[in-house]
Amino acid sequence: MARSGWQFAADLSELRTVGAVDLPAMAYTFAALNNAINATAAHDIAGFSTEGGGFDQVYLAWSQLRDDLQNIFGKTSTNIQTAGDVVVGIVETYAATDEEAARSLQSAWNDGPPSLQDGENPPPGEPPAVVLK
């Protein structure tokens, strides 16, 4: 027999934790790293200027690699956040079809995410805005 009601609510709660806590925390981290990489551009003039003016020959390759890495981290953040939103949407859709599971899920989440594992923390807020080049 398929699980439903409170028997399925525990799985929904874990799935909701993934979508509402774990994936957003990862998205936050990747967005913060995207911003940190972007901030390194402020040092380009000091790091790559030549005495005669202009930039050292390494600058073009360096800046392209940096920008690629920055974009990878930014797009990863966006994709992970989207995945989290989809997971939460799945949980909400299922809960809307099973009243007992919805009540159990609501009860478990009444005071926020239940039973987080060691090191499992919600993000400190919305992720920083991603900067793409």
Protein backbone atom coordinates (compact mmCIF):
# COMPACT_ATOMS: atom_id res chain seq x y z
CA MET A 1 0.00 0.00 0.00
CA ALA A 2 1.27 3.47 -0.86
CA ARG A 3 2.22 5.69 2.02
CA SER A 4 0.04 8.69 2.74
CA GLY A 5 -0.94 11.01 5.57
CA TRP A 6 1.44 11.19 8.53
CA GLN A 7 3.47 8.24 7.18
CA PHE A 8 4.43 10.29 4.14
CA ALA A 9 4.72 13.60 6.01
CA ALA A 10 8.12 12.63 7.46
CA ASP A 11 9.49 12.17 3.95
CA LEU A 12 7.86 15.42 2.88
CA SER A 13 9.50 17.18 5.80
CA GLU A 14 12.93 15.89 4.81
CA LEU A 15 12.30 16.87 1.20
CA ARG A 16 11.16 20.31 2.33
CA THR A 17 14.37 20.67 4.37
CA VAL A 18 16.38 19.98 1.24
CA GLY A 19 14.40 22.55 -0.76
CA ALA A 20 14.02 25.23 1.90
CA VAL A 21 17.31 24.89 3.85
CA ASP A 22 20.03 22.85 2.18
CA LEU A 23 19.78 24.02 -1.43
CA PRO A 24 19.27 27.71 -0.50
CA ALA A 25 22.33 27.51 1.79
CA MET A 26 24.37 26.13 -1.10
CA ALA A 27 23.01 28.80 -3.46
CA TYR A 28 23.98 31.46 -0.92
CA THR A 29 27.52 30.10 -0.72
CA PHE A 30 27.97 30.03 -4.50
CA ALA A 31 26.53 33.56 -4.84
CA ALA A 32 28.89 34.84 -2.12
CA LEU A 33 31.83 33.21 -3.91
CA ASN A 34 30.67 34.72 -7.20
CA ASN A 35 30.76 38.14 -5.53
CA ALA A 36 34.18 37.49 -3.97
CA ILE A 37 35.62 36.54 -7.35
CA ASN A 38 34.07 39.65 -8.88
CA ALA A 39 35.75 41.79 -6.19
CA THR A 40 39.21 40.64 -7.35
CA ALA A 41 38.81 42.78 -10.47
CA ALA A 42 39.38 45.84 -8.27
CA HIS A 43 43.05 44.81 -8.03
CA ASP A 44 43.68 44.40 -11.76
CA ILE A 45 45.35 47.77 -12.25
CA ALA A 46 47.74 47.24 -9.33
CA GLY A 47 48.44 43.64 -10.29
CA PHE A 48 48.79 43.84 -14.06
CA SER A 49 49.81 47.42 -14.99
CA THR A 50 53.08 47.88 -16.82
CA GLU A 51 55.49 50.80 -16.43
CA GLY A 52 54.81 52.04 -19.92
CA GLY A 53 51.04 51.93 -19.43
CA GLY A 54 48.56 49.26 -20.29
CA PHE A 55 48.39 45.76 -18.92
CA ASP A 56 50.86 42.90 -18.70
CA GLN A 57 50.49 40.17 -21.35
CA VAL A 58 49.08 37.77 -18.74
CA TYR A 59 46.14 40.03 -17.96
CA LEU A 60 43.85 38.98 -20.81
CA ALA A 61 44.15 35.25 -20.05
CA TRP A 62 43.81 35.88 -16.29
CA SER A 63 40.73 38.07 -16.62
CA GLN A 64 39.02 35.61 -18.98
CA LEU A 65 39.64 32.70 -16.59
CA ARG A 66 38.47 34.77 -13.63
CA ASP A 67 35.32 35.84 -15.44
CA ASP A 68 34.59 32.24 -16.50
CA LEU A 69 34.97 31.03 -12.91
CA GLN A 70 32.82 33.89 -11.65
CA ASN A 71 30.09 33.01 -14.17
CA ILE A 72 30.24 29.32 -13.26
CA PHE A 73 29.73 30.12 -9.57
CA GLY A 74 26.95 32.60 -10.37
CA LYS A 75 25.06 30.26 -12.68
CA THR A 76 25.50 27.41 -10.20
CA SER A 77 23.96 29.56 -7.47
CA THR A 78 21.00 30.41 -9.69
CA ASN A 79 20.49 26.77 -10.72
CA ILE A 80 20.67 25.48 -7.15
CA GLN A 81 18.18 28.12 -5.98
CA THR A 82 15.83 27.11 -8.82
CA ALA A 83 16.17 23.45 -7.82
CA GLY A 84 15.29 24.36 -4.22
CA ASP A 85 12.21 26.25 -5.37
CA VAL A 86 11.12 23.26 -7.47
CA VAL A 87 11.57 20.85 -4.54
CA VAL A 88 9.52 23.10 -2.23
CA GLY A 89 6.87 23.35 -4.96
CA ILE A 90 6.68 19.56 -5.18
CA VAL A 91 6.24 19.29 -1.41
CA GLU A 92 3.50 21.94 -1.44
CA THR A 93 1.73 20.29 -4.37
CA TYR A 94 1.71 16.90 -2.66
CA ALA A 95 0.61 18.40 0.66
CA ALA A 96 -2.29 20.07 -1.16
CA THR A 97 -3.54 16.63 -2.22
CA ASP A 98 -3.18 14.87 1.16
CA GLU A 99 -4.80 16.70 4.07
CA GLU A 100 -3.33 14.45 6.75
CA ALA A 101 0.19 14.80 5.33
CA ALA A 102 -0.32 18.58 5.10
CA ARG A 103 -1.39 18.77 8.77
CA SER A 104 1.56 16.64 9.89
CA LEU A 105 3.98 18.67 7.78
CA GLN A 106 2.61 21.95 9.13
CA SER A 107 2.88 20.65 12.69
CA ALA A 108 6.48 19.53 12.16
CA TRP A 109 7.45 22.92 10.65
CA ASN A 110 5.45 25.04 13.09
CA ASP A 111 8.63 26.47 14.67
CA GLY A 112 10.80 26.34 11.56
CA PRO A 113 12.78 23.48 10.03
CA PRO A 114 12.70 20.43 12.31
CA SER A 115 15.55 18.07 13.11
CA LEU A 116 18.40 19.71 11.24
CA GLN A 117 21.61 17.68 11.16
CA ASP A 118 24.92 18.98 12.50
CA GLY A 119 26.26 21.54 10.04
CA GLU A 120 22.89 21.88 8.34
CA ASN A 121 21.97 25.56 8.66
CA PRO A 122 19.56 27.81 6.84
CA PRO A 123 21.25 30.56 4.83
CA PRO A 124 21.67 33.85 6.69
CA GLY A 125 19.26 35.51 4.28
CA GLU A 126 18.69 35.93 0.60
CA PRO A 127 21.82 35.19 -1.43
CA PRO A 128 23.80 38.17 -2.69
CA ALA A 129 22.89 39.27 -6.20
CA VAL A 130 24.86 37.22 -8.71
CA VAL A 131 27.23 39.17 -10.99
CA LEU A 132 27.77 37.68 -14.44
CA LYS A 133 30.22 38.89 -17.08
